[in-house]
Amino acid sequence: MIKIFFPFLIIFSQIFFSYSQPKSKLSTEIEKLKTDDALKHAVWSICVMPIKKDTILAEYNSNISLVPASTLKITTTGAALLMLGSDFKFETKLEYDGILDTLSGTLTGNLYIIGGGDPTIESEYFRNEKDSLSTTDKWAEIIKKKGIKKINGAVIGDAGIFDDNMIPSQWIWADIGNYFGAGACGLTYHDNKYALYLKSGARGSSAVITKTIPSIDGMQMINSITSNGDDDNAFIYGAPYSYYREMQGTIPPNKNNYEVEGSIPDPALFCAQSLEKSLNAIGVNTSEKTTTVRVLKESDKYFITNKHLLYTHYSPVLSEIIYWTNFKSINLYAEHLLKYIAYKKYGIGRENEGTEIITEFWKSKGVDINGLVMNDGCGLSRSNVITTKTETQILREMAKDKNFKTFYNSFPVAGKRGPLDNFCEGTWAKDNLCAKSGYITRARGYTGYVKNKKGEMLCFSLLANNYECTPSEMKKKLEKLLIAIAEME
């Protein structure tokens, strides 16, 4: 009798205590979101793990593939940091062919800018505002000091380190003419973007373009922007290498110098033209029209020649590039990293090879890549899908590496800096939780790290797709989950 009752008492006690213990705040928030009307037709997922144990502390739909938006950047930046190293630098070379007469200073030949895949040349994120000289101004001075005073030939941009298809196949037409849709070019310059400044009047009136910085030679801009609404809802439409652009949408009324940014059609050509102008400004003239290797090849006018090195330009170290890629969510930088990884293996940077290499890299690290499909390196494509389990495992792998501090410090911090600066006020997450955020139409997410109240470092991923509320409302719903993760005990 006692032998039968004792096991029963143990089982009864386990059942009683499992049902009598209060739910954690995170469990409560997860249950609330499950029945939220705004997510009735949506799919969302969460996964939380400690960085030191391969165990899941909390999850919901963690094996479901979802559109990650810019949270996908952790996949690319993490791989680049581990594969290339934090001290890696891109190299851009100035070379010439033909004959240089050192007595007269005449180069009978061409001057080449050999792109090395560097996304930072004349980038706003690395520009010294106190420096009045552009990068090409500095290059021009170096070229002149090397003894070149006249060029009987052309300035030629060479972006051949990457393929000519700058835009991933799954990016949409509404994105690629805008600054965030600027494609990765082997010779990128000025973040591959320009700024249009508009003046708007009364509601319903047409907005007028007042200036373009920098000026793009040959650009034909068809402007249909009107003055309406309270937000920037202006879009620029146009294809790579095409100088025909259409502007549609609205900007707020009664604005002066309202800025809208677009993507430069041919960055390699723009860089070469900028160098030509810088050379002309100091008295070094060219006899032939500036061009690119791509254009010469299309017209069967490109010939391989012996070239001589004049100068090597080095990028900032990769750790600094990773910081800005994640902190400011720069699509262009992420695409450059992905294509350069492909270049290192295959001798040319292409999107498909880059995504395959990165996917296999994480698999080799023991990450469960089932459900991961990469169509770019930055998350702009809605064809990208990943699970929260995969993202969380990637974060765990990064935490094991010597470069973890660099990676960790590249994330915005809740209530402190970056896109999360007004997040989680008055909670344990403030100044504690750091995360890469992501947002495109009907897709929002956060993935990162936080120390709970026990001092244990956790990593997490949280994604939501196809919700039926405003983006700001969805942001607030997910913020509650982030706070609950931070307050786990």
Protein backbone atom coordinates (compact mmCIF):
# COMPACT_ATOMS: atom_id res chain seq x y z
CA MET A 1 0.00 0.00 0.00
CA ILE A 2 2.78 2.43 0.97
CA LYS A 3 4.84 1.36 -2.05
CA ILE A 4 1.95 2.20 -4.38
CA PHE A 5 1.06 5.50 -2.69
CA PHE A 6 4.61 6.94 -2.56
CA PRO A 7 5.22 7.07 -6.35
CA PHE A 8 1.71 8.44 -6.75
CA LEU A 9 2.51 11.21 -4.25
CA ILE A 10 5.64 12.16 -6.21
CA ILE A 11 3.74 12.31 -9.51
CA PHE A 12 0.91 14.29 -7.90
CA SER A 13 3.41 16.75 -6.41
CA GLN A 14 5.09 17.28 -9.79
CA ILE A 15 1.77 17.95 -11.48
CA PHE A 16 0.61 20.23 -8.68
CA PHE A 17 3.74 22.34 -8.61
CA SER A 18 4.01 22.56 -12.40
CA TYR A 19 0.54 24.05 -12.55
CA SER A 20 0.76 26.15 -9.40
CA GLN A 21 4.00 27.97 -10.30
CA PRO A 22 3.34 31.39 -11.90
CA LYS A 23 4.20 31.85 -15.55
CA SER A 24 7.22 33.95 -16.41
CA LYS A 25 6.68 37.39 -17.90
CA LEU A 26 8.05 36.13 -21.22
CA SER A 27 5.64 33.18 -21.30
CA THR A 28 2.78 35.57 -20.58
CA GLU A 29 3.79 37.92 -23.40
CA ILE A 30 4.17 35.00 -25.82
CA GLU A 31 0.66 33.77 -24.97
CA LYS A 32 -0.74 37.28 -25.46
CA LEU A 33 0.83 37.56 -28.88
CA LYS A 34 -0.55 34.18 -29.91
CA THR A 35 -4.09 35.56 -29.56
CA ASP A 36 -3.40 39.10 -30.79
CA ASP A 37 -5.86 40.05 -33.54
CA ALA A 38 -3.14 41.89 -35.46
CA LEU A 39 -1.33 38.55 -35.88
CA LYS A 40 -4.38 36.46 -36.69
CA HIS A 41 -3.15 35.90 -40.25
CA ALA A 42 0.52 36.45 -39.50
CA VAL A 43 3.43 34.20 -38.64
CA TRP A 44 5.87 35.10 -35.91
CA SER A 45 8.68 33.39 -34.06
CA ILE A 46 10.97 33.71 -31.07
CA CYS A 47 14.03 31.83 -29.86
CA VAL A 48 16.11 32.54 -26.73
CA MET A 49 19.31 30.72 -25.80
CA PRO A 50 22.17 31.22 -23.32
CA ILE A 51 25.45 31.87 -25.10
CA LYS A 52 27.28 29.22 -23.04
CA LYS A 53 24.82 26.33 -23.45
CA ASP A 54 23.33 24.76 -26.53
CA THR A 55 19.85 24.80 -25.09
CA ILE A 56 16.68 26.74 -25.82
CA LEU A 57 15.26 28.72 -22.89
CA ALA A 58 12.15 29.91 -24.70
CA GLU A 59 10.76 29.45 -28.18
CA TYR A 60 7.73 29.66 -30.40
CA ASN A 61 7.80 28.62 -34.07
CA SER A 62 11.62 28.65 -33.88
CA ASN A 63 11.90 26.23 -36.82
CA ILE A 64 9.59 28.22 -39.12
CA SER A 65 11.29 30.12 -41.98
CA LEU A 66 10.46 33.83 -41.98
CA VAL A 67 11.53 36.94 -43.90
CA PRO A 68 14.26 38.45 -41.70
CA ALA A 69 14.67 41.91 -43.28
CA SER A 70 17.93 43.50 -42.08
CA THR A 71 18.44 41.06 -39.22
CA LEU A 72 19.94 38.88 -41.99
CA LYS A 73 23.00 41.16 -41.86
CA ILE A 74 24.30 39.22 -38.83
CA THR A 75 24.70 36.23 -41.13
CA THR A 76 26.89 38.22 -43.53
CA THR A 77 28.82 40.43 -41.12
CA GLY A 78 29.51 37.57 -38.74
CA ALA A 79 30.86 35.38 -41.54
CA ALA A 80 32.97 38.21 -42.97
CA LEU A 81 34.51 38.94 -39.57
CA LEU A 82 35.41 35.30 -38.98
CA MET A 83 36.57 34.59 -42.53
CA LEU A 84 38.51 37.79 -43.31
CA GLY A 85 39.60 38.93 -39.85
CA SER A 86 38.98 42.21 -38.05
CA ASP A 87 42.17 43.85 -39.41
CA PHE A 88 41.44 43.10 -43.07
CA LYS A 89 41.59 46.06 -45.48
CA PHE A 90 40.31 46.43 -49.05
CA GLU A 91 42.81 47.68 -51.64
CA THR A 92 42.15 50.04 -54.57
CA LYS A 93 45.01 50.60 -57.00
CA LEU A 94 45.93 53.43 -59.37
CA GLU A 95 47.82 52.05 -62.36
CA TYR A 96 48.82 53.16 -65.84
CA ASP A 97 49.71 51.50 -69.12
CA GLY A 98 51.66 52.79 -72.13
CA ILE A 99 54.76 54.98 -71.83
CA LEU A 100 55.47 57.65 -69.24
CA ASP A 101 57.98 60.31 -70.37
CA THR A 102 59.43 61.42 -67.06
CA LEU A 103 61.11 64.47 -68.59
CA SER A 104 57.96 66.03 -70.05
CA GLY A 105 55.57 64.37 -67.61
CA THR A 106 53.49 63.03 -70.47
CA LEU A 107 51.74 59.68 -70.14
CA THR A 108 50.97 58.19 -73.54
CA GLY A 109 48.51 55.64 -72.30
CA ASN A 110 45.64 55.29 -69.88
CA LEU A 111 45.22 55.81 -66.16
CA TYR A 112 43.27 53.04 -64.39
CA ILE A 113 41.41 52.91 -61.09
CA ILE A 114 41.44 49.20 -60.23
CA GLY A 115 38.58 48.58 -57.82
CA GLY A 116 39.19 46.16 -54.96
CA GLY A 117 35.63 45.88 -53.70
CA ASP A 118 36.03 48.65 -51.12
CA PRO A 119 32.62 50.15 -50.17
CA THR A 120 34.13 53.02 -48.15
CA ILE A 121 35.82 55.26 -50.75
CA GLU A 122 34.47 58.78 -50.12
CA SER A 123 31.78 57.25 -47.91
CA GLU A 124 29.91 59.61 -45.60
CA TYR A 125 30.62 57.24 -42.71
CA PHE A 126 34.38 57.64 -43.01
CA ARG A 127 34.67 61.17 -44.40
CA ASN A 128 36.51 63.75 -42.32
CA GLU A 129 34.24 66.79 -42.40
CA LYS A 130 37.21 69.09 -41.74
CA ASP A 131 39.01 67.79 -44.83
CA SER A 132 38.15 69.90 -47.87
CA LEU A 133 39.77 67.50 -50.33
CA SER A 134 37.83 64.56 -51.74
CA THR A 135 39.46 61.16 -52.18
CA THR A 136 39.93 61.77 -55.92
CA ASP A 137 41.48 65.19 -55.17
CA LYS A 138 44.07 63.40 -53.04
CA TRP A 139 44.62 60.78 -55.73
CA ALA A 140 45.15 63.52 -58.31
CA GLU A 141 47.83 65.15 -56.15
CA ILE A 142 49.58 61.79 -55.76
CA ILE A 143 49.47 61.17 -59.53
CA LYS A 144 50.97 64.59 -60.23
CA LYS A 145 53.72 64.02 -57.68
CA LYS A 146 54.53 60.76 -59.48
CA GLY A 147 55.49 62.89 -62.49
CA ILE A 148 52.33 62.74 -64.61
CA LYS A 149 51.40 66.20 -65.92
CA LYS A 150 49.50 65.26 -69.07
CA ILE A 151 47.65 62.13 -70.17
CA ASN A 152 47.37 61.24 -73.85
CA GLY A 153 44.66 58.73 -73.08
CA ALA A 154 41.72 58.29 -70.71
CA VAL A 155 40.92 57.72 -67.06
CA ILE A 156 39.38 54.23 -66.92
CA GLY A 157 37.43 52.71 -64.04
CA ASP A 158 37.84 48.96 -63.55
CA ALA A 159 35.19 47.28 -61.40
CA GLY A 160 35.96 43.77 -62.65
CA ILE A 161 36.59 42.28 -59.21
CA PHE A 162 32.77 41.91 -59.01
CA ASP A 163 30.38 40.89 -61.77
CA ASP A 164 28.61 43.66 -63.69
CA ASN A 165 25.20 42.71 -62.27
CA MET A 166 25.16 45.04 -59.28
CA ILE A 167 21.60 44.27 -58.19
CA PRO A 168 20.53 40.93 -56.63
CA SER A 169 17.90 39.23 -58.77
CA GLN A 170 15.17 39.38 -56.12
CA TRP A 171 15.32 43.10 -55.33
CA ILE A 172 12.18 44.95 -56.39
CA TRP A 173 11.85 47.80 -58.91
CA ALA A 174 10.63 50.25 -56.24
CA ASP A 175 13.91 49.87 -54.31
CA ILE A 176 16.77 49.88 -56.80
CA GLY A 177 16.63 53.53 -57.82
CA ASN A 178 16.85 54.66 -54.21
CA TYR A 179 19.92 54.98 -51.99
CA PHE A 180 19.09 51.84 -49.98
CA GLY A 181 18.90 49.91 -53.25
CA ALA A 182 22.35 50.94 -54.48
CA GLY A 183 24.10 47.82 -55.77
CA ALA A 184 27.59 46.58 -54.92
CA CYS A 185 30.12 47.65 -57.55
CA GLY A 186 33.74 46.53 -57.66
CA LEU A 187 34.60 50.25 -57.76
CA THR A 188 32.14 51.92 -55.42
CA TYR A 189 32.40 55.67 -54.77
CA HIS A 190 30.45 58.11 -52.56
CA ASP A 191 28.27 55.28 -51.19
CA ASN A 192 26.97 54.92 -54.77
CA LYS A 193 24.37 57.57 -54.02
CA TYR A 194 23.46 61.19 -54.71
CA ALA A 195 21.09 63.60 -52.97
CA LEU A 196 18.28 65.50 -54.66
CA TYR A 197 17.04 68.61 -52.90
CA LEU A 198 13.46 69.64 -53.44
CA LYS A 199 11.29 72.62 -52.61
CA SER A 200 7.63 71.89 -51.88
CA GLY A 201 4.73 74.32 -51.72
CA ALA A 202 1.06 74.11 -50.76
CA ARG A 203 -0.64 70.72 -50.55
CA GLY A 204 -1.25 69.24 -53.97
CA SER A 205 1.33 71.40 -55.72
CA SER A 206 4.36 70.03 -57.55
CA ALA A 207 7.71 69.86 -55.78
CA VAL A 208 10.69 71.35 -57.60
CA ILE A 209 14.26 69.98 -57.73
CA THR A 210 16.64 72.75 -56.65
CA LYS A 211 20.01 70.94 -56.79
CA THR A 212 21.75 67.58 -56.97
CA ILE A 213 24.80 66.69 -54.85
CA PRO A 214 27.00 65.39 -56.28
CA SER A 215 26.09 66.31 -59.83
CA ILE A 216 25.74 63.25 -62.09
CA ASP A 217 26.74 63.88 -65.71
CA GLY A 218 24.04 62.92 -68.20
CA MET A 219 21.28 62.27 -65.66
CA GLN A 220 17.74 62.77 -67.02
CA MET A 221 15.33 63.24 -64.13
CA ILE A 222 11.55 63.14 -64.67
CA ASN A 223 9.99 64.65 -61.56
CA SER A 224 6.38 63.89 -60.56
CA ILE A 225 6.75 64.51 -56.81
CA THR A 226 3.88 66.41 -55.19
CA SER A 227 3.45 68.16 -51.84
CA ASN A 228 1.27 65.97 -49.62
CA GLY A 229 1.28 64.02 -46.39
CA ASP A 230 3.58 64.32 -43.40
CA ASP A 231 6.28 61.78 -44.28
CA ASP A 232 8.85 61.06 -46.96
CA ASN A 233 6.97 58.94 -49.48
CA ALA A 234 9.11 59.77 -52.52
CA PHE A 235 10.66 57.08 -54.68
CA ILE A 236 13.18 57.19 -57.49
CA TYR A 237 12.83 54.60 -60.24
CA GLY A 238 15.68 53.60 -62.54
CA ALA A 239 17.91 50.71 -63.57
CA PRO A 240 21.66 50.24 -63.13
CA TYR A 241 23.73 51.86 -65.91
CA SER A 242 20.67 53.82 -67.11
CA TYR A 243 20.71 57.60 -66.67
CA TYR A 244 16.94 57.93 -67.04
CA ARG A 245 15.24 58.38 -63.67
CA GLU A 246 11.61 58.94 -62.66
CA MET A 247 10.56 60.42 -59.33
CA GLN A 248 7.11 59.66 -57.97
CA GLY A 249 5.28 60.01 -54.67
CA THR A 250 4.99 62.78 -52.09
CA ILE A 251 6.98 64.85 -49.63
CA PRO A 252 5.61 67.11 -46.86
CA PRO A 253 4.38 70.56 -48.04
CA ASN A 254 6.20 73.86 -47.53
CA LYS A 255 9.71 72.46 -47.26
CA ASN A 256 12.99 73.92 -48.51
CA ASN A 257 15.96 71.72 -49.39
CA TYR A 258 14.06 68.53 -48.66
CA GLU A 259 16.50 65.66 -49.30
CA VAL A 260 15.73 62.49 -51.26
CA GLU A 261 18.60 60.13 -52.05
CA GLY A 262 19.02 57.97 -55.14
CA SER A 263 21.47 55.34 -56.43
CA ILE A 264 24.23 56.31 -58.87
CA PRO A 265 23.69 54.47 -62.20
CA ASP A 266 27.35 53.57 -62.87
CA PRO A 267 29.59 54.00 -59.79
CA ALA A 268 32.81 52.98 -61.57
CA LEU A 269 32.27 55.58 -64.28
CA PHE A 270 31.33 58.21 -61.70
CA CYS A 271 34.53 57.50 -59.76
CA ALA A 272 36.63 57.78 -62.93
CA GLN A 273 34.88 61.03 -63.89
CA SER A 274 35.50 62.42 -60.42
CA LEU A 275 39.22 61.65 -60.74
CA GLU A 276 39.33 63.26 -64.18
CA LYS A 277 37.77 66.45 -62.77
CA SER A 278 40.23 66.42 -59.86
CA LEU A 279 43.14 66.05 -62.29
CA ASN A 280 41.85 68.86 -64.50
CA ALA A 281 41.53 71.12 -61.45
CA ILE A 282 45.30 70.89 -60.84
CA GLY A 283 46.27 71.22 -64.51
CA VAL A 284 46.56 67.55 -65.49
CA ASN A 285 44.44 67.05 -68.62
CA THR A 286 43.38 63.95 -70.55
CA SER A 287 42.93 63.64 -74.30
CA GLU A 288 40.22 60.98 -74.38
CA LYS A 289 36.79 60.54 -72.82
CA THR A 290 36.61 58.92 -69.40
CA THR A 291 35.20 55.39 -69.51
CA THR A 292 35.16 51.99 -67.80
CA VAL A 293 36.45 48.53 -68.60
CA ARG A 294 32.83 47.31 -68.77
CA VAL A 295 31.95 49.85 -71.49
CA LEU A 296 35.13 49.11 -73.45
CA LYS A 297 34.44 45.37 -73.35
CA GLU A 298 30.89 45.90 -74.62
CA SER A 299 32.27 47.68 -77.68
CA ASP A 300 35.22 45.29 -78.14
CA LYS A 301 37.67 48.10 -77.41
CA TYR A 302 39.29 46.70 -74.30
CA PHE A 303 42.74 45.14 -74.61
CA ILE A 304 44.79 43.62 -71.81
CA THR A 305 48.00 45.62 -71.39
CA ASN A 306 50.96 45.67 -69.03
CA LYS A 307 50.16 48.02 -66.19
CA HIS A 308 52.37 49.81 -63.69
CA LEU A 309 51.39 50.56 -60.10
CA LEU A 310 51.29 54.19 -59.04
CA TYR A 311 49.53 54.01 -55.68
CA THR A 312 47.51 51.70 -53.41
CA HIS A 313 44.60 53.09 -51.44
CA TYR A 314 43.61 51.12 -48.33
CA SER A 315 40.20 51.02 -46.70
CA PRO A 316 39.61 51.32 -42.96
CA VAL A 317 39.92 48.00 -41.11
CA LEU A 318 37.05 45.53 -41.38
CA SER A 319 36.06 45.94 -37.73
CA GLU A 320 35.13 49.56 -38.44
CA ILE A 321 33.24 48.60 -41.60
CA ILE A 322 31.33 45.92 -39.68
CA TYR A 323 30.40 48.50 -37.06
CA TRP A 324 28.73 50.81 -39.56
CA THR A 325 27.17 47.93 -41.52
CA ASN A 326 25.25 46.72 -38.48
CA PHE A 327 24.79 49.98 -36.59
CA LYS A 328 23.41 51.96 -39.55
CA SER A 329 22.15 48.86 -41.41
CA ILE A 330 23.97 49.77 -44.62
CA ASN A 331 22.79 47.46 -47.39
CA LEU A 332 25.63 48.48 -49.71
CA TYR A 333 28.33 47.50 -47.20
CA ALA A 334 26.73 44.10 -46.56
CA GLU A 335 26.53 43.35 -50.29
CA HIS A 336 30.19 44.26 -50.70
CA LEU A 337 31.19 41.88 -47.93
CA LEU A 338 29.20 39.05 -49.48
CA LYS A 339 30.63 39.58 -52.97
CA TYR A 340 34.18 39.93 -51.68
CA ILE A 341 33.86 36.60 -49.88
CA ALA A 342 32.90 35.06 -53.24
CA TYR A 343 35.83 36.81 -54.92
CA LYS A 344 38.28 35.34 -52.40
CA LYS A 345 37.21 31.83 -53.36
CA TYR A 346 36.36 32.10 -57.05
CA GLY A 347 38.29 35.12 -58.34
CA ILE A 348 35.14 37.15 -59.02
CA GLY A 349 32.47 38.46 -56.70
CA ARG A 350 28.99 37.19 -57.53
CA GLU A 351 25.83 37.15 -55.43
CA ASN A 352 24.91 33.47 -55.81
CA GLU A 353 28.37 32.20 -54.93
CA GLY A 354 28.54 34.55 -51.96
CA THR A 355 25.28 33.35 -50.46
CA GLU A 356 26.29 29.71 -50.97
CA ILE A 357 29.68 30.22 -49.29
CA ILE A 358 28.17 31.98 -46.28
CA THR A 359 25.45 29.35 -45.88
CA GLU A 360 27.99 26.53 -45.98
CA PHE A 361 30.28 28.42 -43.62
CA TRP A 362 27.63 28.51 -40.91
CA LYS A 363 26.80 24.87 -41.53
CA SER A 364 30.48 24.01 -40.96
CA LYS A 365 30.21 25.78 -37.60
CA GLY A 366 27.42 23.47 -36.51
CA VAL A 367 24.58 25.93 -37.13
CA ASP A 368 21.29 24.37 -38.22
CA ILE A 369 20.82 25.93 -41.66
CA ASN A 370 17.59 24.08 -42.45
CA GLY A 371 15.10 26.75 -43.46
CA LEU A 372 17.79 29.27 -44.44
CA VAL A 373 17.58 30.72 -47.96
CA MET A 374 19.79 33.71 -48.77
CA ASN A 375 19.13 35.82 -51.86
CA ASP A 376 21.33 38.72 -50.77
CA GLY A 377 23.60 39.65 -47.90
CA CYS A 378 21.65 42.55 -46.43
CA GLY A 379 18.02 41.42 -46.11
CA LEU A 380 16.40 43.80 -48.62
CA SER A 381 14.96 40.91 -50.65
CA ARG A 382 11.69 39.39 -49.47
CA SER A 383 12.94 36.09 -50.89
CA ASN A 384 15.33 35.70 -47.96
CA VAL A 385 14.08 33.40 -45.22
CA ILE A 386 15.65 32.17 -42.00
CA THR A 387 14.52 30.67 -38.71
CA THR A 388 14.93 32.33 -35.33
CA LYS A 389 16.76 29.19 -34.23
CA THR A 390 19.35 29.68 -36.97
CA GLU A 391 19.85 33.35 -36.13
CA THR A 392 20.23 32.55 -32.44
CA GLN A 393 22.76 29.81 -33.14
CA ILE A 394 24.80 32.21 -35.28
CA LEU A 395 24.85 34.65 -32.37
CA ARG A 396 26.07 31.84 -30.07
CA GLU A 397 28.88 30.97 -32.48
CA MET A 398 29.97 34.60 -32.65
CA ALA A 399 30.07 34.72 -28.84
CA LYS A 400 32.73 31.96 -28.87
CA ASP A 401 35.08 33.83 -31.19
CA LYS A 402 37.91 36.25 -30.37
CA ASN A 403 36.12 38.86 -32.53
CA PHE A 404 32.98 38.78 -30.38
CA LYS A 405 33.56 42.20 -28.81
CA THR A 406 33.82 43.80 -32.25
CA PHE A 407 30.62 42.09 -33.37
CA TYR A 408 28.74 42.83 -30.13
CA ASN A 409 29.70 46.51 -30.18
CA SER A 410 28.34 46.94 -33.71
CA PHE A 411 24.73 46.54 -32.50
CA PRO A 412 22.50 49.43 -31.42
CA VAL A 413 21.75 49.51 -27.68
CA ALA A 414 18.25 49.83 -26.21
CA GLY A 415 17.59 53.25 -24.73
CA LYS A 416 21.09 54.44 -25.55
CA ARG A 417 22.20 54.60 -29.19
CA GLY A 418 21.16 53.87 -32.75
CA PRO A 419 17.70 52.79 -33.93
CA LEU A 420 16.93 51.48 -30.42
CA ASP A 421 17.70 54.75 -28.62
CA ASN A 422 14.10 55.22 -27.43
CA PHE A 423 13.51 51.53 -26.70
CA CYS A 424 12.76 49.81 -23.40
CA GLU A 425 12.86 52.93 -21.22
CA GLY A 426 12.61 52.26 -17.48
CA THR A 427 13.23 48.50 -17.82
CA TRP A 428 16.05 46.01 -17.27
CA ALA A 429 16.67 46.04 -21.04
CA LYS A 430 17.70 49.72 -21.13
CA ASP A 431 21.46 50.14 -21.69
CA ASN A 432 21.67 46.34 -21.56
CA LEU A 433 19.97 44.83 -24.58
CA CYS A 434 21.71 45.24 -27.94
CA ALA A 435 20.14 44.10 -31.19
CA LYS A 436 20.24 44.28 -34.95
CA SER A 437 16.81 45.40 -36.06
CA GLY A 438 15.16 44.76 -39.39
CA TYR A 439 12.18 46.19 -41.23
CA ILE A 440 10.70 45.95 -44.71
CA THR A 441 7.03 45.99 -45.64
CA ARG A 442 5.11 43.61 -43.33
CA ALA A 443 8.30 42.13 -41.89
CA ARG A 444 9.96 43.25 -38.65
CA GLY A 445 12.50 41.65 -36.37
CA TYR A 446 15.22 41.95 -33.74
CA THR A 447 18.17 39.71 -33.01
CA GLY A 448 20.93 40.24 -30.48
CA TYR A 449 22.15 39.87 -26.91
CA VAL A 450 21.07 40.79 -23.39
CA LYS A 451 22.14 40.02 -19.81
CA ASN A 452 19.29 38.78 -17.66
CA LYS A 453 18.86 39.64 -13.98
CA LYS A 454 21.15 36.74 -13.03
CA GLY A 455 23.94 38.27 -15.09
CA GLU A 456 23.68 35.49 -17.68
CA MET A 457 24.27 36.55 -21.29
CA LEU A 458 21.44 35.44 -23.57
CA CYS A 459 21.07 35.60 -27.32
CA PHE A 460 17.72 35.88 -29.03
CA SER A 461 15.90 36.27 -32.32
CA LEU A 462 12.40 37.60 -32.83
CA LEU A 463 10.70 37.83 -36.25
CA ALA A 464 7.18 38.68 -37.40
CA ASN A 465 5.73 38.61 -40.93
CA ASN A 466 2.44 39.72 -42.50
CA TYR A 467 0.93 41.38 -39.44
CA GLU A 468 -2.21 43.49 -39.81
CA CYS A 469 -1.29 46.59 -37.84
CA THR A 470 0.95 49.58 -38.46
CA PRO A 471 4.74 49.11 -38.35
CA SER A 472 4.95 51.26 -35.21
CA GLU A 473 2.26 49.20 -33.47
CA MET A 474 4.11 45.99 -34.33
CA LYS A 475 7.30 47.54 -33.01
CA LYS A 476 5.63 48.13 -29.62
CA LYS A 477 4.32 44.57 -29.45
CA LEU A 478 7.79 43.15 -30.08
CA GLU A 479 9.33 45.60 -27.62
CA LYS A 480 7.29 43.96 -24.85
CA LEU A 481 8.83 40.61 -25.74
CA LEU A 482 12.34 42.10 -25.72
CA ILE A 483 11.77 43.56 -22.25
CA ALA A 484 10.46 40.20 -21.04
CA ILE A 485 13.57 38.43 -22.41
CA ALA A 486 15.80 40.86 -20.50
CA GLU A 487 13.85 40.28 -17.30
CA MET A 488 14.07 36.50 -17.42
CA GLU A 489 15.25 34.94 -14.14
